[in-house]
Amino acid sequence: PSRRWQPEKFAQVADELARAGWRTVLTGTAGERDLT
């Protein structure tokens, strides 16, 4: 957890990228489902 940037900030970045026309893909292990 001490290496993880906040989910809401990842979300803001993803939304801006999507508005710019990029598809956004979330990745993670099965144990990271809560994070994604």
Full PDB file with SEQRES, HELIX, SHEET, SSBOND, CRYST1, ORIGX, SCALE, CONECT and MASTER records, all heavy atoms in Angstrom:
SEQRES   1 A   36  PRO SER ARG ARG TRP GLN PRO GLU LYS PHE ALA GLN VAL          
SEQRES   2 A   36  ALA ASP GLU LEU ALA ARG ALA GLY TRP ARG THR VAL LEU          
SEQRES   3 A   36  THR GLY THR ALA GLY GLU ARG ASP LEU THR                      
HELIX    1 AA1 PRO A    7  ARG A   19  1                                  13    
HELIX    2 AA2 ALA A   30  GLU A   32  5                                   3    
CRYST1    1.000    1.000    1.000  90.00  90.00  90.00 P 1           1          
ORIGX1      1.000000  0.000000  0.000000        0.00000                         
ORIGX2      0.000000  1.000000  0.000000        0.00000                         
ORIGX3      0.000000  0.000000  1.000000        0.00000                         
SCALE1      1.000000  0.000000  0.000000        0.00000                         
SCALE2      0.000000  1.000000  0.000000        0.00000                         
SCALE3      0.000000  0.000000  1.000000        0.00000                         
ATOM      1  N   PRO A   1       0.807  -1.223   0.000  1.00  0.00           N  
ATOM      2  CA  PRO A   1       0.000   0.000   0.000  1.00  0.00           C  
ATOM      3  C   PRO A   1       0.843   1.278   0.000  1.00  0.00           C  
ATOM      4  O   PRO A   1       0.402   2.308  -0.523  1.00  0.00           O  
ATOM      5  CB  PRO A   1      -0.818  -0.124   1.296  1.00  0.00           C  
ATOM      6  CG  PRO A   1      -0.928  -1.595   1.528  1.00  0.00           C  
ATOM      7  CD  PRO A   1       0.390  -2.164   1.065  1.00  0.00           C  
ATOM      8  N   SER A   2       2.036   1.218   0.559  1.00  0.00           N  
ATOM      9  CA  SER A   2       2.892   2.404   0.600  1.00  0.00           C  
ATOM     10  C   SER A   2       3.435   2.784  -0.777  1.00  0.00           C  
ATOM     11  O   SER A   2       4.116   3.805  -0.910  1.00  0.00           O  
ATOM     12  CB  SER A   2       4.064   2.179   1.565  1.00  0.00           C  
ATOM     13  OG  SER A   2       4.863   1.078   1.146  1.00  0.00           O  
ATOM     14  N   ARG A   3       3.142   1.971  -1.800  1.00  0.00           N  
ATOM     15  CA  ARG A   3       3.579   2.269  -3.167  1.00  0.00           C  
ATOM     16  C   ARG A   3       2.419   2.712  -4.061  1.00  0.00           C  
ATOM     17  O   ARG A   3       2.622   2.943  -5.246  1.00  0.00           O  
ATOM     18  CB  ARG A   3       4.214   1.014  -3.798  1.00  0.00           C  
ATOM     19  CG  ARG A   3       5.456   0.497  -3.090  1.00  0.00           C  
ATOM     20  CD  ARG A   3       6.647   1.408  -3.326  1.00  0.00           C  
ATOM     21  NE  ARG A   3       7.860   0.830  -2.783  1.00  0.00           N  
ATOM     22  CZ  ARG A   3       8.327   1.056  -1.567  1.00  0.00           C  
ATOM     23  NH1 ARG A   3       7.645   1.845  -0.741  1.00  0.00           N  
ATOM     24  NH2 ARG A   3       9.449   0.504  -1.150  1.00  0.00           N  
ATOM     25  N   ARG A   4       1.209   2.844  -3.487  1.00  0.00           N  
ATOM     26  CA  ARG A   4       0.022   3.043  -4.312  1.00  0.00           C  
ATOM     27  C   ARG A   4      -0.473   4.488  -4.289  1.00  0.00           C  
ATOM     28  O   ARG A   4      -0.798   5.033  -3.234  1.00  0.00           O  
ATOM     29  CB  ARG A   4      -1.106   2.121  -3.841  1.00  0.00           C  
ATOM     30  CG  ARG A   4      -0.777   0.645  -3.938  1.00  0.00           C  
ATOM     31  CD  ARG A   4      -1.875  -0.181  -3.285  1.00  0.00           C  
ATOM     32  NE  ARG A   4      -1.478  -1.580  -3.123  1.00  0.00           N  
ATOM     33  CZ  ARG A   4      -2.058  -2.417  -2.289  1.00  0.00           C  
ATOM     34  NH1 ARG A   4      -3.075  -2.010  -1.536  1.00  0.00           N  
ATOM     35  NH2 ARG A   4      -1.635  -3.664  -2.198  1.00  0.00           N  
ATOM     36  N   TRP A   5      -0.540   5.094  -5.456  1.00  0.00           N  
ATOM     37  CA  TRP A   5      -1.171   6.394  -5.663  1.00  0.00           C  
ATOM     38  C   TRP A   5      -2.678   6.228  -5.508  1.00  0.00           C  
ATOM     39  O   TRP A   5      -3.214   5.145  -5.740  1.00  0.00           O  
ATOM     40  CB  TRP A   5      -0.811   6.882  -7.048  1.00  0.00           C  
ATOM     41  CG  TRP A   5      -0.968   8.343  -7.321  1.00  0.00           C  
ATOM     42  CD1 TRP A   5      -0.674   9.377  -6.488  1.00  0.00           C  
ATOM     43  CD2 TRP A   5      -1.422   8.927  -8.552  1.00  0.00           C  
ATOM     44  NE1 TRP A   5      -0.896  10.570  -7.120  1.00  0.00           N  
ATOM     45  CE2 TRP A   5      -1.366  10.320  -8.385  1.00  0.00           C  
ATOM     46  CE3 TRP A   5      -1.855   8.398  -9.772  1.00  0.00           C  
ATOM     47  CZ2 TRP A   5      -1.741  11.207  -9.399  1.00  0.00           C  
ATOM     48  CZ3 TRP A   5      -2.218   9.265 -10.773  1.00  0.00           C  
ATOM     49  CH2 TRP A   5      -2.169  10.658 -10.594  1.00  0.00           C  
ATOM     50  N   GLN A   6      -3.361   7.306  -5.162  1.00  0.00           N  
ATOM     51  CA  GLN A   6      -4.786   7.190  -4.844  1.00  0.00           C  
ATOM     52  C   GLN A   6      -5.629   6.816  -6.066  1.00  0.00           C  
ATOM     53  O   GLN A   6      -5.422   7.326  -7.171  1.00  0.00           O  
ATOM     54  CB  GLN A   6      -5.311   8.511  -4.276  1.00  0.00           C  
ATOM     55  CG  GLN A   6      -4.713   8.896  -2.944  1.00  0.00           C  
ATOM     56  CD  GLN A   6      -3.614   9.925  -3.080  1.00  0.00           C  
ATOM     57  OE1 GLN A   6      -2.848   9.886  -4.045  1.00  0.00           O  
ATOM     58  NE2 GLN A   6      -3.541  10.842  -2.128  1.00  0.00           N  
ATOM     59  N   PRO A   7      -6.631   5.925  -5.877  1.00  0.00           N  
ATOM     60  CA  PRO A   7      -7.514   5.531  -6.985  1.00  0.00           C  
ATOM     61  C   PRO A   7      -8.231   6.700  -7.638  1.00  0.00           C  
ATOM     62  O   PRO A   7      -8.419   6.720  -8.857  1.00  0.00           O  
ATOM     63  CB  PRO A   7      -8.511   4.572  -6.320  1.00  0.00           C  
ATOM     64  CG  PRO A   7      -7.773   4.022  -5.147  1.00  0.00           C  
ATOM     65  CD  PRO A   7      -6.903   5.136  -4.649  1.00  0.00           C  
ATOM     66  N   GLU A   8      -8.653   7.683  -6.847  1.00  0.00           N  
ATOM     67  CA  GLU A   8      -9.376   8.819  -7.433  1.00  0.00           C  
ATOM     68  C   GLU A   8      -8.496   9.628  -8.388  1.00  0.00           C  
ATOM     69  O   GLU A   8      -8.984  10.226  -9.353  1.00  0.00           O  
ATOM     70  CB  GLU A   8      -9.955   9.725  -6.340  1.00  0.00           C  
ATOM     71  CG  GLU A   8      -8.938  10.341  -5.394  1.00  0.00           C  
ATOM     72  CD  GLU A   8      -8.680   9.504  -4.152  1.00  0.00           C  
ATOM     73  OE1 GLU A   8      -8.812   8.261  -4.227  1.00  0.00           O  
ATOM     74  OE2 GLU A   8      -8.354  10.104  -3.111  1.00  0.00           O  
ATOM     75  N   LYS A   9      -7.167   9.608  -8.138  1.00  0.00           N  
ATOM     76  CA  LYS A   9      -6.265  10.332  -9.034  1.00  0.00           C  
ATOM     77  C   LYS A   9      -6.029   9.539 -10.318  1.00  0.00           C  
ATOM     78  O   LYS A   9      -5.954  10.123 -11.403  1.00  0.00           O  
ATOM     79  CB  LYS A   9      -4.966  10.647  -8.309  1.00  0.00           C  
ATOM     80  CG  LYS A   9      -5.153  11.653  -7.185  1.00  0.00           C  
ATOM     81  CD  LYS A   9      -3.837  12.034  -6.532  1.00  0.00           C  
ATOM     82  CE  LYS A   9      -4.049  13.089  -5.461  1.00  0.00           C  
ATOM     83  NZ  LYS A   9      -2.780  13.478  -4.804  1.00  0.00           N  
ATOM     84  N   PHE A  10      -5.907   8.213 -10.193  1.00  0.00           N  
ATOM     85  CA  PHE A  10      -5.864   7.397 -11.408  1.00  0.00           C  
ATOM     86  C   PHE A  10      -7.125   7.643 -12.239  1.00  0.00           C  
ATOM     87  O   PHE A  10      -7.070   7.719 -13.471  1.00  0.00           O  
ATOM     88  CB  PHE A  10      -5.748   5.913 -11.059  1.00  0.00           C  
ATOM     89  CG  PHE A  10      -4.345   5.412 -10.933  1.00  0.00           C  
ATOM     90  CD1 PHE A  10      -3.775   5.174  -9.689  1.00  0.00           C  
ATOM     91  CD2 PHE A  10      -3.567   5.158 -12.060  1.00  0.00           C  
ATOM     92  CE1 PHE A  10      -2.483   4.703  -9.576  1.00  0.00           C  
ATOM     93  CE2 PHE A  10      -2.265   4.683 -11.955  1.00  0.00           C  
ATOM     94  CZ  PHE A  10      -1.721   4.458 -10.704  1.00  0.00           C  
ATOM     95  N   ALA A  11      -8.269   7.754 -11.566  1.00  0.00           N  
ATOM     96  CA  ALA A  11      -9.536   7.968 -12.268  1.00  0.00           C  
ATOM     97  C   ALA A  11      -9.543   9.298 -13.007  1.00  0.00           C  
ATOM     98  O   ALA A  11     -10.002   9.381 -14.157  1.00  0.00           O  
ATOM     99  CB  ALA A  11     -10.692   7.903 -11.274  1.00  0.00           C  
ATOM    100  N   GLN A  12      -9.046  10.358 -12.377  1.00  0.00           N  
ATOM    101  CA  GLN A  12      -9.001  11.655 -13.045  1.00  0.00           C  
ATOM    102  C   GLN A  12      -8.130  11.601 -14.290  1.00  0.00           C  
ATOM    103  O   GLN A  12      -8.481  12.158 -15.337  1.00  0.00           O  
ATOM    104  CB  GLN A  12      -8.465  12.719 -12.078  1.00  0.00           C  
ATOM    105  CG  GLN A  12      -9.409  13.072 -10.957  1.00  0.00           C  
ATOM    106  CD  GLN A  12      -8.802  14.121 -10.036  1.00  0.00           C  
ATOM    107  OE1 GLN A  12      -8.373  15.197 -10.477  1.00  0.00           O  
ATOM    108  NE2 GLN A  12      -8.739  13.810  -8.756  1.00  0.00           N  
ATOM    109  N   VAL A  13      -6.988  10.931 -14.178  1.00  0.00           N  
ATOM    110  CA  VAL A  13      -6.097  10.794 -15.330  1.00  0.00           C  
ATOM    111  C   VAL A  13      -6.777  10.004 -16.439  1.00  0.00           C  
ATOM    112  O   VAL A  13      -6.745  10.386 -17.619  1.00  0.00           O  
ATOM    113  CB  VAL A  13      -4.773  10.117 -14.901  1.00  0.00           C  
ATOM    114  CG1 VAL A  13      -3.930   9.756 -16.119  1.00  0.00           C  
ATOM    115  CG2 VAL A  13      -3.987  11.031 -13.966  1.00  0.00           C  
ATOM    116  N   ALA A  14      -7.411   8.897 -16.070  1.00  0.00           N  
ATOM    117  CA  ALA A  14      -8.086   8.066 -17.066  1.00  0.00           C  
ATOM    118  C   ALA A  14      -9.191   8.843 -17.777  1.00  0.00           C  
ATOM    119  O   ALA A  14      -9.348   8.736 -19.007  1.00  0.00           O  
ATOM    120  CB  ALA A  14      -8.652   6.823 -16.397  1.00  0.00           C  
ATOM    121  N   ASP A  15      -9.954   9.621 -17.039  1.00  0.00           N  
ATOM    122  CA  ASP A  15     -11.039  10.395 -17.661  1.00  0.00           C  
ATOM    123  C   ASP A  15     -10.490  11.423 -18.651  1.00  0.00           C  
ATOM    124  O   ASP A  15     -11.053  11.610 -19.736  1.00  0.00           O  
ATOM    125  CB  ASP A  15     -11.864  11.100 -16.583  1.00  0.00           C  
ATOM    126  CG  ASP A  15     -12.869  10.177 -15.905  1.00  0.00           C  
ATOM    127  OD1 ASP A  15     -13.225   9.140 -16.510  1.00  0.00           O  
ATOM    128  OD2 ASP A  15     -13.295  10.488 -14.781  1.00  0.00           O  
ATOM    129  N   GLU A  16      -9.415  12.099 -18.296  1.00  0.00           N  
ATOM    130  CA  GLU A  16      -8.836  13.080 -19.215  1.00  0.00           C  
ATOM    131  C   GLU A  16      -8.313  12.409 -20.478  1.00  0.00           C  
ATOM    132  O   GLU A  16      -8.467  12.932 -21.586  1.00  0.00           O  
ATOM    133  CB  GLU A  16      -7.717  13.859 -18.517  1.00  0.00           C  
ATOM    134  CG  GLU A  16      -8.188  14.826 -17.452  1.00  0.00           C  
ATOM    135  CD  GLU A  16      -8.925  16.020 -18.043  1.00  0.00           C  
ATOM    136  OE1 GLU A  16      -8.824  16.249 -19.257  1.00  0.00           O  
ATOM    137  OE2 GLU A  16      -9.613  16.721 -17.280  1.00  0.00           O  
ATOM    138  N   LEU A  17      -7.706  11.260 -20.312  1.00  0.00           N  
ATOM    139  CA  LEU A  17      -7.211  10.532 -21.483  1.00  0.00           C  
ATOM    140  C   LEU A  17      -8.377  10.092 -22.371  1.00  0.00           C  
ATOM    141  O   LEU A  17      -8.305  10.181 -23.604  1.00  0.00           O  
ATOM    142  CB  LEU A  17      -6.407   9.308 -21.035  1.00  0.00           C  
ATOM    143  CG  LEU A  17      -5.061   9.590 -20.390  1.00  0.00           C  
ATOM    144  CD1 LEU A  17      -4.529   8.342 -19.704  1.00  0.00           C  
ATOM    145  CD2 LEU A  17      -4.058  10.092 -21.423  1.00  0.00           C  
ATOM    146  N   ALA A  18      -9.452   9.623 -21.751  1.00  0.00           N  
ATOM    147  CA  ALA A  18     -10.623   9.194 -22.522  1.00  0.00           C  
ATOM    148  C   ALA A  18     -11.232  10.370 -23.273  1.00  0.00           C  
ATOM    149  O   ALA A  18     -11.635  10.236 -24.434  1.00  0.00           O  
ATOM    150  CB  ALA A  18     -11.649   8.551 -21.591  1.00  0.00           C  
ATOM    151  N   ARG A  19     -11.294  11.534 -22.634  1.00  0.00           N  
ATOM    152  CA  ARG A  19     -11.842  12.711 -23.311  1.00  0.00           C  
ATOM    153  C   ARG A  19     -10.962  13.147 -24.473  1.00  0.00           C  
ATOM    154  O   ARG A  19     -11.444  13.792 -25.408  1.00  0.00           O  
ATOM    155  CB  ARG A  19     -12.001  13.848 -22.304  1.00  0.00           C  
ATOM    156  CG  ARG A  19     -13.061  13.579 -21.232  1.00  0.00           C  
ATOM    157  CD  ARG A  19     -13.274  14.762 -20.333  1.00  0.00           C  
ATOM    158  NE  ARG A  19     -14.158  14.416 -19.219  1.00  0.00           N  
ATOM    159  CZ  ARG A  19     -13.778  14.298 -17.967  1.00  0.00           C  
ATOM    160  NH1 ARG A  19     -12.509  14.503 -17.631  1.00  0.00           N  
ATOM    161  NH2 ARG A  19     -14.642  13.971 -17.028  1.00  0.00           N  
ATOM    162  N   ALA A  20      -9.691  12.804 -24.413  1.00  0.00           N  
ATOM    163  CA  ALA A  20      -8.771  13.134 -25.504  1.00  0.00           C  
ATOM    164  C   ALA A  20      -8.836  12.107 -26.628  1.00  0.00           C  
ATOM    165  O   ALA A  20      -8.133  12.247 -27.625  1.00  0.00           O  
ATOM    166  CB  ALA A  20      -7.346  13.223 -24.968  1.00  0.00           C  
ATOM    167  N   GLY A  21      -9.676  11.085 -26.472  1.00  0.00           N  
ATOM    168  CA  GLY A  21      -9.858  10.125 -27.547  1.00  0.00           C  
ATOM    169  C   GLY A  21      -9.148   8.812 -27.373  1.00  0.00           C  
ATOM    170  O   GLY A  21      -9.214   7.946 -28.252  1.00  0.00           O  
ATOM    171  N   TRP A  22      -8.476   8.607 -26.243  1.00  0.00           N  
ATOM    172  CA  TRP A  22      -7.762   7.355 -26.005  1.00  0.00           C  
ATOM    173  C   TRP A  22      -8.681   6.378 -25.297  1.00  0.00           C  
ATOM    174  O   TRP A  22      -9.404   6.748 -24.380  1.00  0.00           O  
ATOM    175  CB  TRP A  22      -6.525   7.609 -25.148  1.00  0.00           C  
ATOM    176  CG  TRP A  22      -5.538   8.548 -25.765  1.00  0.00           C  
ATOM    177  CD1 TRP A  22      -5.471   9.896 -25.582  1.00  0.00           C  
ATOM    178  CD2 TRP A  22      -4.495   8.206 -26.663  1.00  0.00           C  
ATOM    179  NE1 TRP A  22      -4.443  10.417 -26.319  1.00  0.00           N  
ATOM    180  CE2 TRP A  22      -3.819   9.401 -26.999  1.00  0.00           C  
ATOM    181  CE3 TRP A  22      -4.057   7.004 -27.228  1.00  0.00           C  
ATOM    182  CZ2 TRP A  22      -2.744   9.441 -27.869  1.00  0.00           C  
ATOM    183  CZ3 TRP A  22      -2.969   7.039 -28.094  1.00  0.00           C  
ATOM    184  CH2 TRP A  22      -2.329   8.236 -28.409  1.00  0.00           C  
ATOM    185  N   ARG A  23      -8.643   5.114 -25.701  1.00  0.00           N  
ATOM    186  CA  ARG A  23      -9.286   4.074 -24.908  1.00  0.00           C  
ATOM    187  C   ARG A  23      -8.455   3.873 -23.646  1.00  0.00           C  
ATOM    188  O   ARG A  23      -7.226   3.923 -23.688  1.00  0.00           O  
ATOM    189  CB  ARG A  23      -9.365   2.754 -25.685  1.00  0.00           C  
ATOM    190  CG  ARG A  23     -10.235   2.779 -26.914  1.00  0.00           C  
ATOM    191  CD  ARG A  23     -11.690   3.093 -26.607  1.00  0.00           C  
ATOM    192  NE  ARG A  23     -12.316   2.178 -25.680  1.00  0.00           N  
ATOM    193  CZ  ARG A  23     -12.927   1.040 -26.033  1.00  0.00           C  
ATOM    194  NH1 ARG A  23     -12.965   0.674 -27.303  1.00  0.00           N  
ATOM    195  NH2 ARG A  23     -13.505   0.273 -25.133  1.00  0.00           N  
ATOM    196  N   THR A  24      -9.108   3.618 -22.542  1.00  0.00           N  
ATOM    197  CA  THR A  24      -8.399   3.374 -21.286  1.00  0.00           C  
ATOM    198  C   THR A  24      -8.651   1.944 -20.839  1.00  0.00           C  
ATOM    199  O   THR A  24      -9.775   1.436 -20.916  1.00  0.00           O  
ATOM    200  CB  THR A  24      -8.847   4.355 -20.190  1.00  0.00           C  
ATOM    201  OG1 THR A  24     -10.263   4.260 -20.014  1.00  0.00           O  
ATOM    202  CG2 THR A  24      -8.460   5.778 -20.574  1.00  0.00           C  
ATOM    203  N   VAL A  25      -7.593   1.289 -20.383  1.00  0.00           N  
ATOM    204  CA  VAL A  25      -7.647  -0.113 -19.976  1.00  0.00           C  
ATOM    205  C   VAL A  25      -7.075  -0.216 -18.565  1.00  0.00           C  
ATOM    206  O   VAL A  25      -5.942   0.213 -18.316  1.00  0.00           O  
ATOM    207  CB  VAL A  25      -6.836  -0.998 -20.938  1.00  0.00           C  
ATOM    208  CG1 VAL A  25      -6.913  -2.459 -20.494  1.00  0.00           C  
ATOM    209  CG2 VAL A  25      -7.316  -0.842 -22.376  1.00  0.00           C  
ATOM    210  N   LEU A  26      -7.851  -0.788 -17.658  1.00  0.00           N  
ATOM    211  CA  LEU A  26      -7.374  -1.020 -16.290  1.00  0.00           C  
ATOM    212  C   LEU A  26      -6.798  -2.425 -16.198  1.00  0.00           C  
ATOM    213  O   LEU A  26      -7.408  -3.391 -16.664  1.00  0.00           O  
ATOM    214  CB  LEU A  26      -8.511  -0.866 -15.288  1.00  0.00           C  
ATOM    215  CG  LEU A  26      -9.156   0.516 -15.180  1.00  0.00           C  
ATOM    216  CD1 LEU A  26     -10.295   0.489 -14.165  1.00  0.00           C  
ATOM    217  CD2 LEU A  26      -8.136   1.568 -14.804  1.00  0.00           C  
ATOM    218  N   THR A  27      -5.623  -2.537 -15.586  1.00  0.00           N  
ATOM    219  CA  THR A  27      -4.992  -3.836 -15.405  1.00  0.00           C  
ATOM    220  C   THR A  27      -4.693  -4.066 -13.934  1.00  0.00           C  
ATOM    221  O   THR A  27      -4.559  -3.126 -13.152  1.00  0.00           O  
ATOM    222  CB  THR A  27      -3.683  -3.955 -16.216  1.00  0.00           C  
ATOM    223  OG1 THR A  27      -2.723  -3.025 -15.699  1.00  0.00           O  
ATOM    224  CG2 THR A  27      -3.918  -3.660 -17.689  1.00  0.00           C  
ATOM    225  N   GLY A  28      -4.576  -5.334 -13.582  1.00  0.00           N  
ATOM    226  CA  GLY A  28      -4.249  -5.687 -12.208  1.00  0.00           C  
ATOM    227  C   GLY A  28      -4.417  -7.187 -12.019  1.00  0.00           C  
ATOM    228  O   GLY A  28      -5.012  -7.875 -12.849  1.00  0.00           O  
ATOM    229  N   THR A  29      -3.901  -7.688 -10.925  1.00  0.00           N  
ATOM    230  CA  THR A  29      -4.077  -9.098 -10.587  1.00  0.00           C  
ATOM    231  C   THR A  29      -5.454  -9.304  -9.984  1.00  0.00           C  
ATOM    232  O   THR A  29      -6.155  -8.345  -9.620  1.00  0.00           O  
ATOM    233  CB  THR A  29      -3.010  -9.544  -9.579  1.00  0.00           C  
ATOM    234  OG1 THR A  29      -3.221  -8.833  -8.340  1.00  0.00           O  
ATOM    235  CG2 THR A  29      -1.595  -9.248 -10.087  1.00  0.00           C  
ATOM    236  N   ALA A  30      -5.832 -10.578  -9.858  1.00  0.00           N  
ATOM    237  CA  ALA A  30      -7.132 -10.884  -9.253  1.00  0.00           C  
ATOM    238  C   ALA A  30      -7.229 -10.312  -7.842  1.00  0.00           C  
ATOM    239  O   ALA A  30      -8.299  -9.875  -7.416  1.00  0.00           O  
ATOM    240  CB  ALA A  30      -7.358 -12.393  -9.236  1.00  0.00           C  
ATOM    241  N   GLY A  31      -6.117 -10.276  -7.125  1.00  0.00           N  
ATOM    242  CA  GLY A  31      -6.105  -9.737  -5.774  1.00  0.00           C  
ATOM    243  C   GLY A  31      -6.194  -8.228  -5.711  1.00  0.00           C  
ATOM    244  O   GLY A  31      -6.288  -7.659  -4.614  1.00  0.00           O  
ATOM    245  N   GLU A  32      -6.178  -7.566  -6.876  1.00  0.00           N  
ATOM    246  CA  GLU A  32      -6.250  -6.103  -6.912  1.00  0.00           C  
ATOM    247  C   GLU A  32      -7.594  -5.600  -7.421  1.00  0.00           C  
ATOM    248  O   GLU A  32      -7.735  -4.436  -7.795  1.00  0.00           O  
ATOM    249  CB  GLU A  32      -5.109  -5.559  -7.779  1.00  0.00           C  
ATOM    250  CG  GLU A  32      -3.741  -5.792  -7.165  1.00  0.00           C  
ATOM    251  CD  GLU A  32      -2.568  -5.459  -8.091  1.00  0.00           C  
ATOM    252  OE1 GLU A  32      -2.740  -5.526  -9.334  1.00  0.00           O  
ATOM    253  OE2 GLU A  32      -1.494  -5.148  -7.567  1.00  0.00           O  
ATOM    254  N   ARG A  33      -8.608  -6.485  -7.426  1.00  0.00           N  
ATOM    255  CA  ARG A  33      -9.924  -6.094  -7.935  1.00  0.00           C  
ATOM    256  C   ARG A  33     -10.506  -4.917  -7.163  1.00  0.00           C  
ATOM    257  O   ARG A  33     -11.177  -4.059  -7.739  1.00  0.00           O  
ATOM    258  CB  ARG A  33     -10.885  -7.269  -7.878  1.00  0.00           C  
ATOM    259  CG  ARG A  33     -10.576  -8.387  -8.865  1.00  0.00           C  
ATOM    260  CD  ARG A  33     -11.677  -9.433  -8.852  1.00  0.00           C  
ATOM    261  NE  ARG A  33     -11.301 -10.630  -9.570  1.00  0.00           N  
ATOM    262  CZ  ARG A  33     -11.347 -10.776 -10.891  1.00  0.00           C  
ATOM    263  NH1 ARG A  33     -11.751  -9.755 -11.628  1.00  0.00           N  
ATOM    264  NH2 ARG A  33     -11.001 -11.908 -11.466  1.00  0.00           N  
ATOM    265  N   ASP A  34     -10.272  -4.877  -5.854  1.00  0.00           N  
ATOM    266  CA  ASP A  34     -10.817  -3.765  -5.066  1.00  0.00           C  
ATOM    267  C   ASP A  34     -10.208  -2.442  -5.517  1.00  0.00           C  
ATOM    268  O   ASP A  34     -10.894  -1.406  -5.539  1.00  0.00           O  
ATOM    269  CB  ASP A  34     -10.552  -3.987  -3.579  1.00  0.00           C  
ATOM    270  CG  ASP A  34     -11.420  -5.094  -2.982  1.00  0.00           C  
ATOM    271  OD1 ASP A  34     -12.366  -5.522  -3.651  1.00  0.00           O  
ATOM    272  OD2 ASP A  34     -11.114  -5.525  -1.848  1.00  0.00           O  
ATOM    273  N   LEU A  35      -8.931  -2.463  -5.864  1.00  0.00           N  
ATOM    274  CA  LEU A  35      -8.276  -1.235  -6.304  1.00  0.00           C  
ATOM    275  C   LEU A  35      -8.833  -0.746  -7.634  1.00  0.00           C  
ATOM    276  O   LEU A  35      -9.168   0.435  -7.787  1.00  0.00           O  
ATOM    277  CB  LEU A  35      -6.765  -1.468  -6.444  1.00  0.00           C  
ATOM    278  CG  LEU A  35      -5.932  -1.392  -5.175  1.00  0.00           C  
ATOM    279  CD1 LEU A  35      -4.501  -1.835  -5.470  1.00  0.00           C  
ATOM    280  CD2 LEU A  35      -5.926   0.040  -4.638  1.00  0.00           C  
ATOM    281  N   THR A  36      -8.913  -1.645  -8.607  1.00  0.00           N  
ATOM    282  CA  THR A  36      -9.416  -1.215  -9.910  1.00  0.00           C  
ATOM    283  C   THR A  36     -10.901  -0.858  -9.828  1.00  0.00           C  
ATOM    284  O   THR A  36     -11.369   0.049 -10.523  1.00  0.00           O  
ATOM    285  CB  THR A  36      -9.181  -2.291 -10.981  1.00  0.00           C  
ATOM    286  OG1 THR A  36      -9.687  -3.546 -10.519  1.00  0.00           O  
ATOM    287  CG2 THR A  36      -7.705  -2.427 -11.284  1.00  0.00           C  
TER     288      THR A  36                                                      
MASTER        0    0    0    2    0    0    0    6  287    1    0    3          
END                                                                             
